[in-house]
N, C-alpha and C. Protein backbone atom coordinates (compact mmCIF):
# COMPACT_ATOMS: atom_id res chain seq x y z
N MET A 1 -15.14 -2.62 14.52
CA MET A 1 -14.80 -2.53 13.11
C MET A 1 -13.71 -1.48 12.95
N GLY A 2 -12.65 -1.82 12.18
CA GLY A 2 -11.59 -0.88 11.89
C GLY A 2 -11.88 -0.12 10.61
N ILE A 3 -11.49 1.13 10.59
CA ILE A 3 -11.67 1.96 9.41
C ILE A 3 -10.31 2.54 9.02
N GLU A 4 -10.01 2.47 7.72
CA GLU A 4 -8.78 3.06 7.21
C GLU A 4 -9.17 4.24 6.32
N ILE A 5 -8.61 5.39 6.62
CA ILE A 5 -8.80 6.58 5.80
C ILE A 5 -7.43 6.95 5.27
N GLU A 6 -7.27 6.79 3.97
CA GLU A 6 -5.94 6.87 3.37
C GLU A 6 -5.98 7.66 2.07
N ARG A 7 -4.95 8.44 1.84
CA ARG A 7 -4.78 9.12 0.55
C ARG A 7 -3.46 8.67 -0.05
N LYS A 8 -3.45 8.50 -1.38
CA LYS A 8 -2.26 8.01 -2.10
C LYS A 8 -1.84 9.03 -3.15
N PHE A 9 -0.52 9.14 -3.33
CA PHE A 9 0.04 10.10 -4.26
C PHE A 9 1.23 9.50 -5.00
N LEU A 10 1.44 9.95 -6.22
CA LEU A 10 2.70 9.69 -6.92
C LEU A 10 3.70 10.73 -6.42
N LEU A 11 4.98 10.45 -6.61
CA LEU A 11 5.99 11.45 -6.29
C LEU A 11 6.15 12.39 -7.47
N LYS A 12 6.60 13.61 -7.20
CA LYS A 12 6.92 14.53 -8.29
C LYS A 12 8.14 13.99 -9.02
N PRO A 13 8.17 14.08 -10.35
CA PRO A 13 9.35 13.61 -11.09
C PRO A 13 10.62 14.29 -10.58
N GLY A 14 11.64 13.49 -10.31
CA GLY A 14 12.93 14.01 -9.85
C GLY A 14 12.94 14.50 -8.41
N ALA A 15 11.87 14.24 -7.67
CA ALA A 15 11.78 14.73 -6.29
C ALA A 15 12.82 14.05 -5.41
N GLN A 16 13.36 14.83 -4.49
CA GLN A 16 14.30 14.30 -3.50
C GLN A 16 13.53 14.10 -2.20
N LEU A 17 13.55 12.88 -1.70
CA LEU A 17 12.87 12.59 -0.44
C LEU A 17 13.76 12.97 0.73
N PRO A 18 13.14 13.39 1.83
CA PRO A 18 13.94 13.57 3.05
C PRO A 18 14.41 12.22 3.56
N GLU A 19 15.32 12.23 4.50
CA GLU A 19 15.83 10.98 5.06
C GLU A 19 14.69 10.21 5.72
N SER A 20 14.72 8.90 5.55
CA SER A 20 13.69 8.04 6.14
C SER A 20 13.91 7.88 7.63
N ASP A 21 12.80 7.84 8.36
CA ASP A 21 12.86 7.59 9.80
C ASP A 21 12.91 6.09 10.09
N MET A 22 12.43 5.28 9.14
CA MET A 22 12.43 3.83 9.28
C MET A 22 12.27 3.24 7.88
N ILE A 23 12.87 2.06 7.65
CA ILE A 23 12.72 1.34 6.39
C ILE A 23 12.26 -0.07 6.70
N GLN A 24 11.23 -0.52 5.98
CA GLN A 24 10.70 -1.87 6.16
C GLN A 24 10.67 -2.59 4.82
N ASN A 25 11.02 -3.86 4.83
CA ASN A 25 10.89 -4.71 3.65
C ASN A 25 9.61 -5.51 3.81
N ILE A 26 8.71 -5.37 2.85
CA ILE A 26 7.36 -5.93 2.96
C ILE A 26 7.08 -6.87 1.80
N GLN A 27 6.49 -8.02 2.13
CA GLN A 27 5.97 -8.96 1.13
C GLN A 27 4.52 -9.20 1.46
N GLN A 28 3.66 -9.12 0.46
CA GLN A 28 2.23 -9.33 0.65
C GLN A 28 1.73 -10.38 -0.33
N ALA A 29 0.87 -11.26 0.16
CA ALA A 29 0.22 -12.25 -0.70
C ALA A 29 -1.27 -12.16 -0.43
N TYR A 30 -2.05 -12.19 -1.50
CA TYR A 30 -3.50 -12.10 -1.37
C TYR A 30 -4.10 -13.49 -1.46
N ILE A 31 -4.84 -13.88 -0.42
CA ILE A 31 -5.49 -15.18 -0.36
C ILE A 31 -6.83 -15.11 -1.09
N ALA A 32 -7.55 -14.01 -0.90
CA ALA A 32 -8.81 -13.73 -1.60
C ALA A 32 -8.74 -12.29 -2.09
N ASN A 33 -9.30 -12.04 -3.26
CA ASN A 33 -9.13 -10.72 -3.84
C ASN A 33 -10.20 -10.48 -4.90
N ASP A 34 -11.47 -10.40 -4.47
CA ASP A 34 -12.52 -10.15 -5.45
C ASP A 34 -13.75 -9.54 -4.79
N GLN A 35 -14.63 -9.01 -5.60
CA GLN A 35 -15.89 -8.43 -5.16
C GLN A 35 -15.71 -7.40 -4.05
N GLY A 36 -14.65 -6.60 -4.15
CA GLY A 36 -14.43 -5.53 -3.20
C GLY A 36 -13.82 -5.93 -1.87
N THR A 37 -13.53 -7.21 -1.70
CA THR A 37 -12.93 -7.67 -0.45
C THR A 37 -11.59 -8.35 -0.73
N ALA A 38 -10.60 -8.00 0.08
CA ALA A 38 -9.27 -8.61 -0.06
C ALA A 38 -8.84 -9.18 1.29
N VAL A 39 -8.27 -10.39 1.24
CA VAL A 39 -7.68 -11.02 2.42
C VAL A 39 -6.19 -11.15 2.12
N ARG A 40 -5.38 -10.49 2.94
CA ARG A 40 -3.96 -10.37 2.67
C ARG A 40 -3.13 -10.90 3.82
N VAL A 41 -1.99 -11.51 3.48
CA VAL A 41 -0.98 -11.88 4.46
C VAL A 41 0.22 -10.98 4.19
N ARG A 42 0.72 -10.35 5.24
CA ARG A 42 1.85 -9.42 5.10
C ARG A 42 2.99 -9.85 6.01
N LEU A 43 4.18 -9.92 5.43
CA LEU A 43 5.41 -10.15 6.21
C LEU A 43 6.22 -8.86 6.19
N ILE A 44 6.68 -8.44 7.37
CA ILE A 44 7.50 -7.24 7.49
C ILE A 44 8.86 -7.66 8.02
N ASN A 45 9.89 -7.42 7.21
CA ASN A 45 11.28 -7.74 7.57
C ASN A 45 11.44 -9.19 8.02
N THR A 46 10.59 -10.06 7.56
CA THR A 46 10.56 -11.49 7.94
C THR A 46 10.51 -11.71 9.45
N GLU A 47 10.15 -10.65 10.21
CA GLU A 47 10.09 -10.74 11.67
C GLU A 47 8.68 -10.60 12.21
N GLU A 48 7.80 -9.95 11.45
CA GLU A 48 6.42 -9.73 11.87
C GLU A 48 5.51 -10.18 10.75
N ALA A 49 4.30 -10.62 11.12
CA ALA A 49 3.34 -11.03 10.11
C ALA A 49 1.93 -10.64 10.54
N TYR A 50 1.10 -10.32 9.54
CA TYR A 50 -0.27 -9.89 9.81
C TYR A 50 -1.22 -10.50 8.79
N LEU A 51 -2.42 -10.79 9.24
CA LEU A 51 -3.52 -11.17 8.37
C LEU A 51 -4.47 -9.98 8.35
N THR A 52 -4.80 -9.51 7.15
CA THR A 52 -5.62 -8.31 7.01
C THR A 52 -6.80 -8.60 6.09
N ILE A 53 -7.95 -8.09 6.48
CA ILE A 53 -9.15 -8.16 5.64
C ILE A 53 -9.58 -6.72 5.37
N LYS A 54 -9.71 -6.38 4.08
CA LYS A 54 -10.14 -5.03 3.71
C LYS A 54 -11.36 -5.13 2.81
N GLN A 55 -12.30 -4.25 3.05
CA GLN A 55 -13.52 -4.18 2.26
C GLN A 55 -13.54 -2.80 1.62
N ALA A 56 -13.55 -2.74 0.31
CA ALA A 56 -13.32 -1.49 -0.41
C ALA A 56 -14.57 -0.83 -0.95
N SER A 57 -15.72 -1.07 -0.42
CA SER A 57 -16.94 -0.51 -1.00
C SER A 57 -16.99 1.01 -0.96
N GLU A 58 -16.31 1.63 -0.01
CA GLU A 58 -16.33 3.08 0.08
C GLU A 58 -15.01 3.69 -0.36
N TYR A 59 -14.21 2.95 -1.13
CA TYR A 59 -12.88 3.47 -1.47
C TYR A 59 -12.93 4.74 -2.29
N HIS A 60 -14.03 4.99 -2.98
CA HIS A 60 -14.13 6.21 -3.75
C HIS A 60 -13.93 7.44 -2.87
N LEU A 61 -14.11 7.30 -1.59
CA LEU A 61 -13.88 8.39 -0.64
C LEU A 61 -12.56 8.24 0.10
N GLY A 62 -11.78 7.23 -0.24
CA GLY A 62 -10.53 6.98 0.48
C GLY A 62 -10.75 6.28 1.81
N ILE A 63 -11.93 5.68 1.99
CA ILE A 63 -12.27 5.02 3.25
C ILE A 63 -12.52 3.54 2.98
N ARG A 64 -11.90 2.69 3.79
CA ARG A 64 -12.14 1.24 3.68
C ARG A 64 -12.26 0.64 5.07
N THR A 65 -13.09 -0.39 5.16
CA THR A 65 -13.15 -1.18 6.39
C THR A 65 -11.91 -2.06 6.43
N GLU A 66 -11.26 -2.12 7.59
CA GLU A 66 -10.02 -2.89 7.69
C GLU A 66 -9.95 -3.60 9.04
N PHE A 67 -9.62 -4.88 8.98
CA PHE A 67 -9.36 -5.68 10.17
C PHE A 67 -7.96 -6.25 10.00
N GLU A 68 -7.11 -6.09 11.02
CA GLU A 68 -5.73 -6.59 10.91
C GLU A 68 -5.33 -7.27 12.21
N TYR A 69 -4.71 -8.46 12.06
CA TYR A 69 -4.36 -9.27 13.22
C TYR A 69 -2.94 -9.81 13.07
N PRO A 70 -2.12 -9.71 14.13
CA PRO A 70 -0.80 -10.33 14.08
C PRO A 70 -0.95 -11.85 14.05
N ILE A 71 -0.09 -12.51 13.26
CA ILE A 71 -0.09 -13.98 13.18
C ILE A 71 1.36 -14.46 13.24
N PRO A 72 1.57 -15.73 13.57
CA PRO A 72 2.94 -16.25 13.59
C PRO A 72 3.58 -16.19 12.19
N VAL A 73 4.84 -15.81 12.15
CA VAL A 73 5.57 -15.68 10.88
C VAL A 73 5.54 -16.99 10.10
N GLU A 74 5.74 -18.11 10.79
CA GLU A 74 5.77 -19.41 10.10
C GLU A 74 4.44 -19.69 9.40
N GLU A 75 3.33 -19.35 10.06
CA GLU A 75 2.02 -19.56 9.45
C GLU A 75 1.81 -18.62 8.27
N ALA A 76 2.29 -17.39 8.39
CA ALA A 76 2.17 -16.43 7.30
C ALA A 76 2.90 -16.92 6.06
N ILE A 77 4.08 -17.48 6.26
CA ILE A 77 4.85 -18.01 5.13
C ILE A 77 4.08 -19.14 4.46
N GLU A 78 3.48 -20.01 5.26
CA GLU A 78 2.66 -21.10 4.69
C GLU A 78 1.45 -20.55 3.95
N MET A 79 0.81 -19.53 4.51
CA MET A 79 -0.38 -18.94 3.88
C MET A 79 -0.06 -18.30 2.54
N THR A 80 1.14 -17.74 2.39
CA THR A 80 1.48 -17.11 1.11
C THR A 80 1.42 -18.12 -0.03
N ASN A 81 1.62 -19.39 0.27
CA ASN A 81 1.55 -20.42 -0.76
C ASN A 81 0.12 -20.69 -1.24
N LEU A 82 -0.87 -20.16 -0.52
CA LEU A 82 -2.26 -20.33 -0.91
C LEU A 82 -2.70 -19.30 -1.96
N SER A 83 -1.86 -18.31 -2.20
CA SER A 83 -2.22 -17.23 -3.11
C SER A 83 -2.09 -17.65 -4.57
N HIS A 84 -3.06 -17.22 -5.37
CA HIS A 84 -3.02 -17.42 -6.82
C HIS A 84 -2.69 -16.12 -7.54
N TYR A 85 -2.30 -15.11 -6.79
CA TYR A 85 -2.02 -13.79 -7.34
C TYR A 85 -0.52 -13.50 -7.27
N HIS A 86 -0.11 -12.44 -7.94
CA HIS A 86 1.27 -11.99 -7.86
C HIS A 86 1.54 -11.48 -6.45
N LYS A 87 2.72 -11.76 -5.92
CA LYS A 87 3.11 -11.18 -4.64
C LYS A 87 3.39 -9.70 -4.86
N VAL A 88 3.08 -8.92 -3.85
CA VAL A 88 3.40 -7.50 -3.87
C VAL A 88 4.58 -7.32 -2.92
N VAL A 89 5.70 -6.94 -3.50
CA VAL A 89 6.95 -6.79 -2.73
C VAL A 89 7.36 -5.33 -2.82
N LYS A 90 7.71 -4.76 -1.68
CA LYS A 90 8.07 -3.34 -1.67
C LYS A 90 8.98 -3.02 -0.49
N GLN A 91 9.68 -1.92 -0.65
CA GLN A 91 10.46 -1.38 0.46
C GLN A 91 9.76 -0.09 0.87
N ARG A 92 9.37 -0.04 2.13
CA ARG A 92 8.63 1.11 2.65
C ARG A 92 9.57 2.02 3.43
N HIS A 93 9.54 3.28 3.07
CA HIS A 93 10.29 4.31 3.77
C HIS A 93 9.29 5.15 4.55
N VAL A 94 9.44 5.17 5.87
CA VAL A 94 8.55 5.97 6.72
C VAL A 94 9.22 7.32 6.93
N ILE A 95 8.45 8.38 6.63
CA ILE A 95 8.97 9.75 6.74
C ILE A 95 7.97 10.55 7.58
N MET A 96 8.44 11.10 8.67
CA MET A 96 7.59 11.95 9.50
C MET A 96 7.69 13.39 8.99
N GLU A 97 6.55 13.95 8.66
CA GLU A 97 6.45 15.34 8.21
C GLU A 97 5.47 16.03 9.14
N GLY A 98 5.99 16.84 10.05
CA GLY A 98 5.13 17.46 11.05
C GLY A 98 4.52 16.38 11.92
N GLU A 99 3.20 16.40 12.07
CA GLU A 99 2.52 15.40 12.91
C GLU A 99 2.12 14.16 12.13
N TYR A 100 2.40 14.12 10.84
CA TYR A 100 1.94 13.02 10.01
C TYR A 100 3.05 12.06 9.59
N ARG A 101 2.65 10.80 9.48
CA ARG A 101 3.54 9.73 9.06
C ARG A 101 3.24 9.43 7.59
N TRP A 102 4.20 9.66 6.73
CA TRP A 102 4.10 9.31 5.32
C TRP A 102 4.80 7.98 5.11
N GLU A 103 4.19 7.12 4.31
CA GLU A 103 4.79 5.85 3.94
C GLU A 103 5.02 5.88 2.44
N VAL A 104 6.29 5.85 2.06
CA VAL A 104 6.65 5.89 0.66
C VAL A 104 7.10 4.49 0.26
N ASP A 105 6.33 3.87 -0.62
CA ASP A 105 6.58 2.49 -1.04
C ASP A 105 7.28 2.45 -2.38
N PHE A 106 8.45 1.83 -2.39
CA PHE A 106 9.21 1.56 -3.61
C PHE A 106 8.93 0.10 -3.96
N PHE A 107 8.11 -0.10 -4.99
CA PHE A 107 7.69 -1.45 -5.35
C PHE A 107 8.80 -2.17 -6.09
N LEU A 108 8.86 -3.49 -5.91
CA LEU A 108 9.90 -4.33 -6.50
C LEU A 108 9.25 -5.45 -7.31
N GLU A 109 10.08 -6.26 -7.92
CA GLU A 109 9.65 -7.43 -8.70
C GLU A 109 8.64 -7.03 -9.77
N ASP A 110 7.44 -7.62 -9.78
CA ASP A 110 6.46 -7.37 -10.84
C ASP A 110 5.96 -5.93 -10.89
N ASN A 111 6.15 -5.19 -9.81
CA ASN A 111 5.68 -3.80 -9.75
C ASN A 111 6.84 -2.80 -9.71
N GLU A 112 8.02 -3.27 -10.12
CA GLU A 112 9.24 -2.44 -10.14
C GLU A 112 8.98 -1.14 -10.90
N GLY A 113 9.46 -0.06 -10.32
CA GLY A 113 9.34 1.26 -10.95
C GLY A 113 8.22 2.11 -10.38
N LEU A 114 7.27 1.50 -9.71
CA LEU A 114 6.17 2.24 -9.10
C LEU A 114 6.60 2.72 -7.72
N ILE A 115 6.35 3.98 -7.45
CA ILE A 115 6.63 4.56 -6.13
C ILE A 115 5.38 5.32 -5.72
N LEU A 116 4.85 4.99 -4.56
CA LEU A 116 3.65 5.66 -4.04
C LEU A 116 3.90 6.21 -2.64
N ALA A 117 3.34 7.37 -2.38
CA ALA A 117 3.37 7.96 -1.04
C ALA A 117 1.96 7.90 -0.48
N GLU A 118 1.82 7.39 0.74
CA GLU A 118 0.51 7.26 1.37
C GLU A 118 0.51 7.96 2.72
N ILE A 119 -0.65 8.44 3.07
CA ILE A 119 -0.83 9.03 4.40
C ILE A 119 -2.19 8.58 4.93
N GLU A 120 -2.20 8.11 6.18
CA GLU A 120 -3.47 7.76 6.84
C GLU A 120 -3.88 8.94 7.69
N LEU A 121 -5.18 9.23 7.65
CA LEU A 121 -5.71 10.40 8.32
C LEU A 121 -6.80 10.03 9.31
N PRO A 122 -7.03 10.87 10.33
CA PRO A 122 -8.07 10.57 11.31
C PRO A 122 -9.49 10.74 10.76
N SER A 123 -9.66 11.60 9.74
CA SER A 123 -10.97 11.77 9.11
C SER A 123 -10.78 12.17 7.66
N ILE A 124 -11.80 11.98 6.85
CA ILE A 124 -11.71 12.24 5.42
C ILE A 124 -11.51 13.73 5.13
N ASP A 125 -11.95 14.59 6.03
CA ASP A 125 -11.84 16.03 5.78
C ASP A 125 -10.67 16.68 6.53
N THR A 126 -9.74 15.86 7.01
CA THR A 126 -8.56 16.39 7.70
C THR A 126 -7.71 17.17 6.69
N PRO A 127 -7.47 18.46 6.96
CA PRO A 127 -6.63 19.24 6.03
C PRO A 127 -5.16 18.85 6.20
N ILE A 128 -4.46 18.72 5.08
CA ILE A 128 -3.02 18.44 5.14
C ILE A 128 -2.30 19.36 4.17
N THR A 129 -1.07 19.67 4.52
CA THR A 129 -0.19 20.38 3.61
C THR A 129 0.73 19.35 3.01
N LEU A 130 0.72 19.27 1.68
CA LEU A 130 1.54 18.26 1.02
C LEU A 130 3.00 18.67 1.02
N PRO A 131 3.90 17.74 1.35
CA PRO A 131 5.33 18.03 1.24
C PRO A 131 5.69 18.33 -0.22
N GLU A 132 6.79 19.01 -0.43
CA GLU A 132 7.20 19.42 -1.78
C GLU A 132 7.46 18.25 -2.72
N TRP A 133 7.74 17.08 -2.19
CA TRP A 133 8.06 15.92 -3.02
C TRP A 133 6.83 15.13 -3.44
N VAL A 134 5.66 15.48 -2.94
CA VAL A 134 4.42 14.78 -3.26
C VAL A 134 3.80 15.38 -4.53
N GLY A 135 3.43 14.48 -5.46
CA GLY A 135 2.86 14.91 -6.73
C GLY A 135 1.38 14.62 -6.84
N LYS A 136 0.99 14.08 -7.98
CA LYS A 136 -0.41 13.84 -8.32
C LYS A 136 -1.09 12.87 -7.35
N GLU A 137 -2.31 13.21 -6.92
CA GLU A 137 -3.07 12.31 -6.07
C GLU A 137 -3.71 11.21 -6.92
N VAL A 138 -3.61 9.96 -6.44
CA VAL A 138 -4.18 8.80 -7.14
C VAL A 138 -5.09 7.99 -6.21
N THR A 139 -5.57 8.62 -5.15
CA THR A 139 -6.43 7.94 -4.18
C THR A 139 -7.61 7.25 -4.85
N HIS A 140 -8.20 7.91 -5.83
CA HIS A 140 -9.44 7.40 -6.43
C HIS A 140 -9.19 6.52 -7.66
N ASP A 141 -7.94 6.20 -7.94
CA ASP A 141 -7.59 5.34 -9.08
C ASP A 141 -7.27 3.95 -8.54
N GLU A 142 -8.18 2.99 -8.76
CA GLU A 142 -8.03 1.65 -8.17
C GLU A 142 -6.77 0.93 -8.62
N ARG A 143 -6.16 1.36 -9.74
CA ARG A 143 -4.94 0.70 -10.21
C ARG A 143 -3.80 0.79 -9.20
N TYR A 144 -3.86 1.77 -8.32
CA TYR A 144 -2.78 1.97 -7.35
C TYR A 144 -3.04 1.28 -6.02
N LEU A 145 -4.12 0.50 -5.94
CA LEU A 145 -4.36 -0.31 -4.76
C LEU A 145 -3.47 -1.55 -4.82
N ASN A 146 -2.93 -1.97 -3.70
CA ASN A 146 -2.07 -3.15 -3.67
C ASN A 146 -2.78 -4.40 -4.16
N ASN A 147 -4.07 -4.54 -3.82
CA ASN A 147 -4.78 -5.73 -4.28
C ASN A 147 -4.99 -5.71 -5.79
N TYR A 148 -5.07 -4.54 -6.41
CA TYR A 148 -5.13 -4.44 -7.87
C TYR A 148 -3.77 -4.84 -8.47
N LEU A 149 -2.70 -4.35 -7.84
CA LEU A 149 -1.35 -4.66 -8.32
C LEU A 149 -1.04 -6.15 -8.22
N ALA A 150 -1.69 -6.85 -7.29
CA ALA A 150 -1.51 -8.30 -7.17
C ALA A 150 -2.15 -9.02 -8.36
N LYS A 151 -3.20 -8.45 -8.91
CA LYS A 151 -3.87 -9.04 -10.08
C LYS A 151 -3.24 -8.55 -11.39
N TYR A 152 -2.96 -7.26 -11.44
CA TYR A 152 -2.46 -6.62 -12.66
C TYR A 152 -1.20 -5.83 -12.32
N PRO A 153 -0.05 -6.50 -12.29
CA PRO A 153 1.18 -5.82 -11.88
C PRO A 153 1.49 -4.60 -12.75
N TYR A 154 2.15 -3.65 -12.13
CA TYR A 154 2.55 -2.41 -12.79
C TYR A 154 3.29 -2.68 -14.10
N SER A 155 4.10 -3.72 -14.14
CA SER A 155 4.86 -4.03 -15.36
C SER A 155 3.94 -4.38 -16.52
N SER A 156 2.69 -4.76 -16.26
CA SER A 156 1.76 -5.14 -17.34
C SER A 156 0.94 -3.97 -17.86
N TRP A 157 1.02 -2.79 -17.23
CA TRP A 157 0.24 -1.66 -17.72
C TRP A 157 1.09 -0.47 -18.10
N GLU A 158 2.19 -0.75 -18.73
CA GLU A 158 3.16 0.26 -19.19
C GLU A 158 2.50 1.41 -19.95
N GLN A 159 1.71 1.12 -20.95
CA GLN A 159 1.13 2.17 -21.78
C GLN A 159 0.04 2.96 -21.06
N ASN A 160 -0.40 2.49 -19.91
CA ASN A 160 -1.48 3.19 -19.20
C ASN A 160 -1.00 4.02 -18.02
N ARG A 161 0.30 4.09 -17.80
CA ARG A 161 0.83 4.83 -16.66
C ARG A 161 0.48 6.31 -16.76
N GLU A 162 0.27 6.89 -15.61
CA GLU A 162 0.02 8.34 -15.55
C GLU A 162 1.05 8.96 -14.61
N ASP A 163 2.31 8.70 -14.86
CA ASP A 163 3.38 9.26 -14.03
C ASP A 163 3.44 10.74 -14.31
């Protein structure tokens, strides 16, 4: 069983990011997305594809069960047509800060304007020093989960933003 331990943050207003170590263009489609379980197809730069199953019962702690498998790109493209949800499209900037890999996602299309910084950790109690560009933590706010954004895009919750 795979476990994902992740913390999510908004950026500080007007923050300048350091140069990215890598940039990826990502498209995600959710095949199933209810009762705490999400089945997702992800395309990265149209060159790689993955099928991911996440179970969010412990997300209140930033911990989720995760299974991820590489799949053929052609099959992933076909699977995206099975989705009844909004696609989640984003450009991911990977930034190495010390020993940690930060993934800063600039959301596009229905989630345009949302920018999130994520860090995966080896344990829930791993101490980290936040870079100067990292702002408010939103780990425990389900609205910032990608599977939530597939159901309720950022563009639809304008008045509820907590930027």
